Amino acid sequence: MFPPIAGGGIQRPLKFVKYLPYYGIKPVVFCPEKALWRANVQEKEEYPFLKMIKIYRCGIKRLERYYNLRFRKGHTQHSHFYMLALKYFWFMDFQSAWYFECRTEALKIAKEENVDCVFTTSPPHSTHLFGLFLKEKIGVPWIMDIRDAMYDDPNVERTVGFRVKSLIRYFYEKKYYSSADAIISVSDPIVNSIRRRHKRLNLESKTHTITNGFDGEDFENIQLDNKGRKSLEITYTGSFMGKQTPEHFLEAINLLIEKKAIDASDLLIRFIGYFDKQIHTIFQRFMPKIPIEILDFQPYEKSLWYQVNSDLLLLIVSIEGREGGSQTMTGKFFEYIGAKKPIIALVPDGPLKEIIEKGCFGVVAQPKNINEIAIKFKNLYDEWKINGALSCNPDMKLRDSFTRERLTGKLVSIIDNLI
């Protein structure tokens, strides 16, 4: 997950790479040369600081046909996908093809660059095979970073196939954690889950939480453009992955409209990102009654522009706490607080809800409680109707603790302790 691949997943490693040099650490990046995703950008156009970073690219020829079928031709199912899944099933995911194709090149580069430490980030979780391999071959400390839960991912349906895959992931978790010198993840629940599941490994001293964050420089030159606006603009940026869905939010808005508690003509609900057919079906169901605008994936800078120029930002983690939703600490939230706009958050009990309420970043409703969502939204709508705007008075000290530069400082402390 690195440019020219675009999307939320790249921001964490990308910002570490940007800010490590501020602390006197020289990052050397190893990433695929031929990888596609739902959206791709030219990194030299959008991220000029990468011109000063040494980047090595290798592979993935073994997955070229997959990328072409999936992201150029739009196939969601194809016999080739099942062949890949069977071939790489034991190795967690078929992106492990990259490891088998390029591990020798990665080793060569690590030796030539005389690296002091190896950092791997997932998903895809097979990326950590590189860390395990390089630690064994050159003996340097290895830090593994987990952006989404590896074993108990709440977004995945609990099918028979999931249970088999979980056994494989558990095997690799134990293998990784036994070897890694430090394990980082984005939320305390993920870290605590790792510690409980592998008590015998005594991981307390080498597990750490570094949340996602926002980069203040990304917002410096964004101009406000809300002249002549007559509607309450609500914006959601990003895709809906796994169990995530906008359905409950739209049900709540529809309920308010049907009760004549709000006027549909006052609203504009904008969704920006890559959405599959299932999500588009949900949009189509509500569009006759609710003013909904759907925009395809936007460049990162443009996505932030829409956030800053909205009245209200929509955050959805539509997985209840008992289903594992409390583990989710989505990077989107940190972008939203960077934009300094109020948030309406559909999230379960857990650290994300606690931070939103503690920092006065917005209002929170349980993700599937349509009545509660409707009540919270009605309060915001009434405030906007009376004042023509929504108030936003966040705890700036707490907000500033989530800057990418400060969070990179936490990573630097871990690196310093290891080397």
Protein backbone atom coordinates (compact mmCIF):
# COMPACT_ATOMS: atom_id res chain seq x y z
CA MET A 1 0.00 0.00 0.00
CA PHE A 2 2.17 2.82 -1.36
CA PRO A 3 1.84 5.31 -4.22
CA PRO A 4 0.91 5.10 -7.04
CA ILE A 5 -1.74 3.05 -5.21
CA ALA A 6 -4.14 5.56 -3.67
CA GLY A 7 -6.62 5.51 -0.82
CA GLY A 8 -6.75 5.57 2.95
CA GLY A 9 -4.47 2.55 3.41
CA ILE A 10 -1.39 4.31 2.03
CA GLN A 11 -1.50 7.36 4.30
CA ARG A 12 0.03 5.71 7.38
CA PRO A 13 3.23 4.37 5.76
CA LEU A 14 3.40 7.42 3.50
CA LYS A 15 3.39 9.88 6.42
CA PHE A 16 5.92 7.82 8.38
CA VAL A 17 8.18 8.07 5.33
CA LYS A 18 7.58 11.83 5.15
CA TYR A 19 8.38 12.59 8.78
CA LEU A 20 11.12 10.08 9.67
CA PRO A 21 13.79 12.37 8.13
CA TYR A 22 12.65 15.13 10.56
CA TYR A 23 14.05 12.90 13.31
CA GLY A 24 17.28 12.06 11.51
CA ILE A 25 16.16 8.68 10.17
CA LYS A 26 16.55 7.90 6.47
CA PRO A 27 13.72 5.74 5.12
CA VAL A 28 14.35 3.36 2.21
CA VAL A 29 11.10 2.13 0.65
CA PHE A 30 10.58 -1.27 -0.95
CA CYS A 31 7.23 -1.63 -2.72
CA PRO A 32 5.68 -3.20 -5.85
CA GLU A 33 6.43 -1.81 -9.29
CA LYS A 34 3.32 -3.24 -10.96
CA ALA A 35 0.46 -3.12 -8.50
CA LEU A 36 -2.98 -1.66 -9.13
CA TRP A 37 -5.80 -0.85 -6.77
CA ARG A 38 -9.27 0.61 -6.96
CA ALA A 39 -7.65 3.99 -7.52
CA ASN A 40 -4.15 5.06 -8.42
CA VAL A 41 -2.34 8.39 -8.55
CA GLN A 42 1.01 9.65 -9.77
CA GLU A 43 2.90 10.07 -6.52
CA LYS A 44 5.31 12.66 -7.91
CA GLU A 45 2.38 14.94 -8.70
CA GLU A 46 0.60 14.61 -5.36
CA TYR A 47 3.46 13.86 -2.97
CA PRO A 48 6.49 15.98 -3.96
CA PHE A 49 8.46 14.96 -0.84
CA LEU A 50 8.83 11.47 -2.32
CA LYS A 51 11.30 12.90 -4.83
CA MET A 52 13.81 12.99 -1.96
CA ILE A 53 13.11 9.43 -0.77
CA LYS A 54 14.93 6.39 -2.09
CA ILE A 55 12.27 4.02 -3.43
CA TYR A 56 12.92 0.56 -4.85
CA ARG A 57 10.16 -1.15 -6.83
CA CYS A 58 9.95 -4.85 -7.66
CA GLY A 59 7.11 -7.03 -9.07
CA ILE A 60 4.37 -8.14 -9.08
CA LYS A 61 4.36 -9.94 -12.45
CA ARG A 62 2.64 -12.96 -10.91
CA LEU A 63 -0.46 -10.85 -10.20
CA GLU A 64 -0.64 -8.83 -13.42
CA ARG A 65 -3.53 -10.85 -14.78
CA TYR A 66 -5.42 -10.49 -11.50
CA TYR A 67 -4.99 -6.69 -11.46
CA ASN A 68 -6.06 -6.43 -15.08
CA LEU A 69 -9.22 -8.51 -14.52
CA ARG A 70 -10.11 -6.94 -11.18
CA PHE A 71 -9.28 -3.27 -11.57
CA ARG A 72 -9.17 -2.63 -15.31
CA LYS A 73 -12.00 -4.87 -16.48
CA GLY A 74 -14.01 -4.72 -13.26
CA HIS A 75 -14.48 -8.45 -12.63
CA THR A 76 -15.39 -9.24 -9.02
CA GLN A 77 -15.45 -12.99 -9.68
CA HIS A 78 -13.31 -14.98 -12.08
CA SER A 79 -11.90 -18.51 -12.20
CA HIS A 80 -8.38 -17.03 -12.15
CA PHE A 81 -9.07 -15.53 -8.71
CA TYR A 82 -9.91 -18.96 -7.27
CA MET A 83 -6.76 -20.44 -8.81
CA LEU A 84 -4.68 -17.75 -7.12
CA ALA A 85 -6.48 -18.26 -3.82
CA LEU A 86 -5.74 -22.00 -3.90
CA LYS A 87 -2.12 -21.47 -4.90
CA TYR A 88 -1.37 -19.04 -2.08
CA PHE A 89 -3.99 -20.18 0.46
CA TRP A 90 -1.46 -21.39 3.03
CA PHE A 91 0.45 -18.10 2.82
CA MET A 92 -2.46 -15.97 4.13
CA ASP A 93 -3.38 -14.12 0.92
CA PHE A 94 -2.45 -14.21 -2.74
CA GLN A 95 -0.51 -10.97 -2.41
CA SER A 96 2.13 -13.26 -0.89
CA ALA A 97 3.03 -13.84 -4.55
CA TRP A 98 4.96 -10.57 -4.21
CA TYR A 99 7.07 -12.04 -1.40
CA PHE A 100 8.02 -15.16 -3.34
CA GLU A 101 8.79 -13.13 -6.46
CA CYS A 102 10.83 -10.35 -4.84
CA ARG A 103 12.30 -11.49 -1.50
CA THR A 104 15.76 -12.04 -3.03
CA GLU A 105 15.72 -8.51 -4.41
CA ALA A 106 14.60 -7.14 -1.04
CA LEU A 107 17.49 -8.92 0.66
CA LYS A 108 19.97 -7.56 -1.87
CA ILE A 109 18.73 -3.99 -1.36
CA ALA A 110 18.73 -4.30 2.45
CA LYS A 111 22.37 -5.38 2.33
CA GLU A 112 23.41 -2.68 -0.15
CA GLU A 113 21.70 0.03 1.89
CA ASN A 114 23.13 -1.37 5.12
CA VAL A 115 19.78 -0.95 6.86
CA ASP A 116 19.61 -0.74 10.66
CA CYS A 117 15.97 -1.75 11.00
CA VAL A 118 13.13 -3.26 8.96
CA PHE A 119 9.55 -1.97 9.15
CA THR A 120 6.66 -3.86 7.49
CA THR A 121 3.02 -2.77 7.43
CA SER A 122 -0.18 -4.67 6.66
CA PRO A 123 -2.71 -5.48 5.25
CA PRO A 124 -2.07 -7.43 3.13
CA HIS A 125 -0.69 -9.40 6.08
CA SER A 126 1.63 -11.48 3.89
CA THR A 127 3.81 -8.35 3.70
CA HIS A 128 5.25 -9.42 7.06
CA LEU A 129 6.86 -12.41 5.37
CA PHE A 130 9.47 -9.91 4.16
CA GLY A 131 10.19 -8.80 7.73
CA LEU A 132 10.53 -12.37 8.96
CA PHE A 133 12.83 -13.22 6.04
CA LEU A 134 15.08 -10.16 6.38
CA LYS A 135 15.45 -10.53 10.13
CA GLU A 136 16.55 -14.15 9.69
CA LYS A 137 18.97 -13.30 6.87
CA ILE A 138 20.65 -10.09 8.09
CA GLY A 139 19.79 -10.08 11.79
CA VAL A 140 18.48 -6.49 12.10
CA PRO A 141 15.53 -5.54 14.34
CA TRP A 142 12.11 -5.93 12.77
CA ILE A 143 9.04 -3.79 13.52
CA MET A 144 5.70 -5.06 12.26
CA ASP A 145 2.81 -2.61 11.91
CA ILE A 146 -0.80 -3.87 11.74
CA ARG A 147 -3.33 -1.37 10.39
CA ASP A 148 -6.26 -3.85 10.58
CA ALA A 149 -6.65 -6.85 12.86
CA MET A 150 -4.95 -9.91 11.43
CA TYR A 151 -6.72 -12.80 13.18
CA ASP A 152 -10.07 -11.36 14.30
CA ASP A 153 -10.85 -8.85 11.55
CA PRO A 154 -14.42 -7.63 12.31
CA ASN A 155 -15.09 -6.84 8.64
CA VAL A 156 -14.91 -10.48 7.55
CA GLU A 157 -18.00 -12.71 7.50
CA ARG A 158 -17.75 -15.70 9.86
CA THR A 159 -18.06 -18.47 7.24
CA VAL A 160 -16.48 -21.94 7.15
CA GLY A 161 -13.77 -20.51 4.91
CA PHE A 162 -13.14 -17.76 7.44
CA ARG A 163 -12.60 -20.29 10.23
CA VAL A 164 -10.05 -22.21 8.16
CA LYS A 165 -8.30 -19.00 7.21
CA SER A 166 -8.28 -17.91 10.85
CA LEU A 167 -6.32 -21.03 11.79
CA ILE A 168 -3.73 -20.15 9.16
CA ARG A 169 -3.58 -16.56 10.36
CA TYR A 170 -3.18 -17.73 13.95
CA PHE A 171 -0.21 -19.86 12.88
CA TYR A 172 1.44 -16.92 11.15
CA GLU A 173 0.59 -14.53 13.99
CA LYS A 174 2.47 -16.74 16.42
CA LYS A 175 5.37 -17.09 13.97
CA TYR A 176 5.54 -13.33 13.35
CA TYR A 177 5.14 -12.25 16.97
CA SER A 178 7.77 -14.68 18.20
CA SER A 179 10.30 -13.19 15.80
CA ALA A 180 9.37 -9.49 15.58
CA ASP A 181 11.18 -7.09 17.90
CA ALA A 182 8.24 -4.70 18.09
CA ILE A 183 4.56 -4.98 17.16
CA ILE A 184 2.53 -1.83 16.50
CA SER A 185 -1.16 -1.38 15.81
CA VAL A 186 -3.64 1.46 15.49
CA SER A 187 -5.82 0.86 18.56
CA ASP A 188 -5.57 -0.48 22.11
CA PRO A 189 -8.25 -3.17 21.54
CA ILE A 190 -6.22 -4.72 18.69
CA VAL A 191 -3.06 -4.67 20.82
CA ASN A 192 -4.89 -6.09 23.85
CA SER A 193 -6.41 -8.83 21.67
CA ILE A 194 -2.93 -9.81 20.48
CA ARG A 195 -1.61 -9.96 24.06
CA ARG A 196 -4.55 -12.10 25.29
CA ARG A 197 -4.40 -14.51 22.38
CA HIS A 198 -0.67 -15.12 22.76
CA LYS A 199 -0.17 -14.93 26.53
CA ARG A 200 2.64 -17.46 26.49
CA LEU A 201 4.73 -15.17 24.29
CA ASN A 202 4.69 -12.37 26.94
CA LEU A 203 4.23 -9.63 24.36
CA GLU A 204 3.51 -6.73 26.74
CA SER A 205 6.96 -5.18 26.41
CA LYS A 206 7.07 -5.24 22.61
CA THR A 207 3.49 -4.31 21.69
CA HIS A 208 2.61 -0.65 21.17
CA THR A 209 -0.30 1.49 20.02
CA ILE A 210 0.34 4.25 17.50
CA THR A 211 -2.96 5.56 16.19
CA ASN A 212 -3.50 6.99 12.75
CA GLY A 213 -3.41 10.76 12.48
CA PHE A 214 -3.64 13.81 10.25
CA ASP A 215 -1.03 15.95 8.54
CA GLY A 216 -1.59 19.64 9.24
CA GLU A 217 0.34 20.58 6.09
CA ASP A 218 -2.34 18.88 3.98
CA PHE A 219 -4.89 21.47 5.10
CA GLU A 220 -2.79 24.63 4.96
CA ASN A 221 -3.73 25.80 1.47
CA ILE A 222 -7.34 24.63 1.28
CA GLN A 223 -9.66 27.55 0.53
CA LEU A 224 -13.17 27.83 1.94
CA ASP A 225 -15.83 28.07 -0.77
CA ASN A 226 -19.33 28.08 0.69
CA LYS A 227 -20.76 31.31 -0.73
CA GLY A 228 -24.39 31.05 -1.73
CA ARG A 229 -24.82 27.65 -0.10
CA LYS A 230 -28.42 26.97 0.90
CA SER A 231 -28.21 23.34 1.98
CA LEU A 232 -26.73 21.45 4.90
CA GLU A 233 -23.87 19.55 3.24
CA ILE A 234 -22.89 16.23 4.79
CA THR A 235 -19.85 14.45 3.35
CA TYR A 236 -18.56 10.90 3.66
CA THR A 237 -15.16 10.10 2.14
CA GLY A 238 -13.81 6.59 1.61
CA SER A 239 -15.18 3.22 0.63
CA PHE A 240 -17.42 0.80 2.53
CA MET A 241 -15.43 -2.36 3.16
CA GLY A 242 -16.70 -5.69 4.45
CA LYS A 243 -19.69 -5.19 6.75
CA GLN A 244 -19.59 -1.39 6.55
CA THR A 245 -22.76 0.16 5.13
CA PRO A 246 -24.48 3.56 4.82
CA GLU A 247 -27.89 1.90 5.09
CA HIS A 248 -28.68 2.69 8.73
CA PHE A 249 -27.77 6.36 8.37
CA LEU A 250 -29.94 6.73 5.28
CA GLU A 251 -32.79 4.88 7.00
CA ALA A 252 -32.63 7.44 9.82
CA ILE A 253 -32.66 10.39 7.41
CA ASN A 254 -35.56 8.87 5.51
CA LEU A 255 -37.45 8.38 8.77
CA LEU A 256 -37.05 12.09 9.63
CA ILE A 257 -38.21 13.13 6.15
CA GLU A 258 -41.26 10.88 6.29
CA LYS A 259 -42.20 12.34 9.69
CA LYS A 260 -41.69 15.83 8.24
CA ALA A 261 -39.19 16.51 11.03
CA ILE A 262 -36.71 17.77 8.43
CA ASP A 263 -37.03 19.12 4.92
CA ALA A 264 -35.25 17.01 2.29
CA SER A 265 -34.63 20.13 0.17
CA ASP A 266 -32.36 21.45 2.95
CA LEU A 267 -29.94 18.53 2.59
CA LEU A 268 -27.12 17.35 0.39
CA ILE A 269 -25.50 14.07 1.41
CA ARG A 270 -22.31 13.43 -0.53
CA PHE A 271 -20.48 10.11 -0.74
CA ILE A 272 -16.98 10.16 -2.22
CA GLY A 273 -15.07 6.98 -3.00
CA TYR A 274 -15.11 3.58 -4.64
CA PHE A 275 -18.43 1.79 -4.02
CA ASP A 276 -19.36 -1.71 -5.14
CA LYS A 277 -22.69 -2.76 -6.65
CA GLN A 278 -24.20 -3.63 -3.27
CA ILE A 279 -23.56 -0.13 -1.92
CA HIS A 280 -24.83 1.50 -5.13
CA THR A 281 -28.04 -0.54 -4.75
CA ILE A 282 -28.52 1.00 -1.29
CA PHE A 283 -27.92 4.49 -2.69
CA GLN A 284 -30.43 3.93 -5.48
CA ARG A 285 -33.08 2.81 -3.00
CA PHE A 286 -32.92 6.10 -1.08
CA MET A 287 -32.14 8.57 -3.87
CA PRO A 288 -35.79 9.23 -4.84
CA LYS A 289 -36.41 10.62 -1.33
CA ILE A 290 -33.02 11.93 -0.16
CA PRO A 291 -30.70 14.34 -2.05
CA ILE A 292 -27.63 12.13 -2.47
CA GLU A 293 -24.55 13.00 -4.51
CA ILE A 294 -22.13 10.21 -5.43
CA LEU A 295 -18.62 11.10 -6.57
CA ASP A 296 -16.03 8.61 -7.73
CA PHE A 297 -12.69 8.35 -5.98
CA GLN A 298 -11.04 11.78 -5.73
CA PRO A 299 -7.34 12.67 -5.38
CA TYR A 300 -6.40 12.95 -1.71
CA GLU A 301 -6.06 16.73 -1.81
CA LYS A 302 -9.50 17.11 -3.43
CA SER A 303 -11.05 14.75 -0.90
CA LEU A 304 -9.74 16.96 1.91
CA TRP A 305 -11.14 20.02 0.11
CA TYR A 306 -14.61 18.49 0.22
CA GLN A 307 -14.20 17.77 3.93
CA VAL A 308 -13.17 21.33 4.76
CA ASN A 309 -15.99 22.76 2.63
CA SER A 310 -18.75 20.67 4.20
CA ASP A 311 -20.95 21.50 7.17
CA LEU A 312 -20.89 18.04 8.69
CA LEU A 313 -18.69 14.97 8.22
CA LEU A 314 -20.16 11.47 8.34
CA LEU A 315 -18.18 8.68 10.00
CA ILE A 316 -19.50 5.13 9.84
CA VAL A 317 -18.21 2.02 11.60
CA SER A 318 -21.32 -0.10 11.17
CA ILE A 319 -20.05 -3.05 13.20
CA GLU A 320 -21.26 -3.38 16.77
CA GLY A 321 -18.82 -3.75 19.65
CA ARG A 322 -19.70 -7.40 20.25
CA GLU A 323 -18.84 -8.08 16.59
CA GLY A 324 -15.39 -6.53 16.97
CA GLY A 325 -16.26 -2.98 15.92
CA SER A 326 -14.62 -1.56 19.06
CA GLN A 327 -11.24 -2.48 17.55
CA THR A 328 -11.72 -0.11 14.63
CA MET A 329 -9.77 3.15 14.78
CA THR A 330 -10.34 4.33 11.23
CA GLY A 331 -7.89 6.75 9.66
CA LYS A 332 -10.81 8.71 8.26
CA PHE A 333 -11.63 10.06 11.73
CA PHE A 334 -8.23 11.71 12.00
CA GLU A 335 -8.60 13.36 8.60
CA TYR A 336 -11.95 14.69 9.79
CA ILE A 337 -10.50 16.30 12.92
CA GLY A 338 -7.78 17.76 10.71
CA ALA A 339 -10.53 19.44 8.69
CA LYS A 340 -11.94 21.04 11.90
CA LYS A 341 -15.51 20.19 11.02
CA PRO A 342 -18.14 18.61 13.31
CA ILE A 343 -18.62 14.87 12.94
CA ILE A 344 -21.70 12.70 13.16
CA ALA A 345 -20.26 9.30 14.03
CA LEU A 346 -22.04 5.96 13.82
CA VAL A 347 -19.62 3.93 15.93
CA PRO A 348 -19.91 1.35 18.73
CA ASP A 349 -18.62 1.71 22.29
CA GLY A 350 -14.83 1.72 22.33
CA PRO A 351 -11.81 4.00 22.06
CA LEU A 352 -13.03 5.76 18.90
CA LYS A 353 -16.29 6.81 20.57
CA GLU A 354 -14.37 7.84 23.70
CA ILE A 355 -12.00 10.09 21.76
CA ILE A 356 -14.82 11.76 19.81
CA GLU A 357 -16.74 12.55 22.98
CA LYS A 358 -13.70 13.49 25.06
CA GLY A 359 -12.38 15.82 22.37
CA CYS A 360 -15.79 17.36 21.53
CA PHE A 361 -15.21 16.40 17.90
CA GLY A 362 -18.87 15.58 17.22
CA VAL A 363 -21.86 13.48 18.21
CA VAL A 364 -21.99 9.70 18.42
CA ALA A 365 -24.81 7.20 17.87
CA GLN A 366 -24.81 3.42 17.96
CA PRO A 367 -24.22 2.26 14.37
CA LYS A 368 -27.47 0.31 13.88
CA ASN A 369 -29.81 2.26 16.15
CA ILE A 370 -31.89 4.14 13.59
CA ASN A 371 -33.93 6.07 16.17
CA GLU A 372 -30.82 7.26 18.01
CA ILE A 373 -29.18 8.28 14.74
CA ALA A 374 -32.32 10.21 13.79
CA ILE A 375 -32.42 12.05 17.14
CA LYS A 376 -28.74 13.04 16.95
CA PHE A 377 -29.09 14.22 13.37
CA LYS A 378 -32.28 16.18 14.12
CA ASN A 379 -30.45 18.11 16.85
CA LEU A 380 -27.73 19.07 14.37
CA TYR A 381 -30.27 19.97 11.72
CA ASP A 382 -32.15 22.23 14.14
CA GLU A 383 -28.92 24.00 15.12
CA TRP A 384 -28.06 24.56 11.46
CA LYS A 385 -31.60 25.75 10.69
CA ILE A 386 -31.48 28.35 13.49
CA ASN A 387 -27.88 29.55 13.15
CA GLY A 388 -27.10 28.83 9.50
CA ALA A 389 -24.02 26.87 10.59
CA LEU A 390 -22.86 24.18 12.99
CA SER A 391 -20.59 24.94 15.93
CA CYS A 392 -17.23 23.19 16.21
CA ASN A 393 -15.16 23.74 19.37
CA PRO A 394 -12.85 20.73 19.69
CA ASP A 395 -10.18 20.15 22.31
CA MET A 396 -7.23 21.48 20.30
CA LYS A 397 -4.63 20.01 22.65
CA LEU A 398 -6.07 16.52 22.14
CA ARG A 399 -6.45 17.15 18.41
CA ASP A 400 -2.82 18.20 18.05
CA SER A 401 -1.65 15.00 19.76
CA PHE A 402 -2.74 13.16 16.59
CA THR A 403 -0.54 15.00 14.09
CA ARG A 404 1.46 12.68 11.84
CA GLU A 405 4.70 14.34 12.93
CA ARG A 406 4.08 13.61 16.62
CA LEU A 407 2.95 10.05 15.92
CA THR A 408 6.08 9.44 13.84
CA GLY A 409 8.00 10.56 16.92
CA LYS A 410 6.51 7.58 18.78
CA LEU A 411 7.76 5.26 16.04
CA VAL A 412 11.17 6.90 16.26
CA SER A 413 11.32 6.16 20.01
CA ILE A 414 10.67 2.48 19.29
CA ILE A 415 13.34 2.43 16.57
CA ASP A 416 15.88 4.16 18.86
CA ASN A 417 15.26 1.62 21.63
CA LEU A 418 15.83 -1.27 19.21
CA ILE A 419 19.01 -0.04 17.54
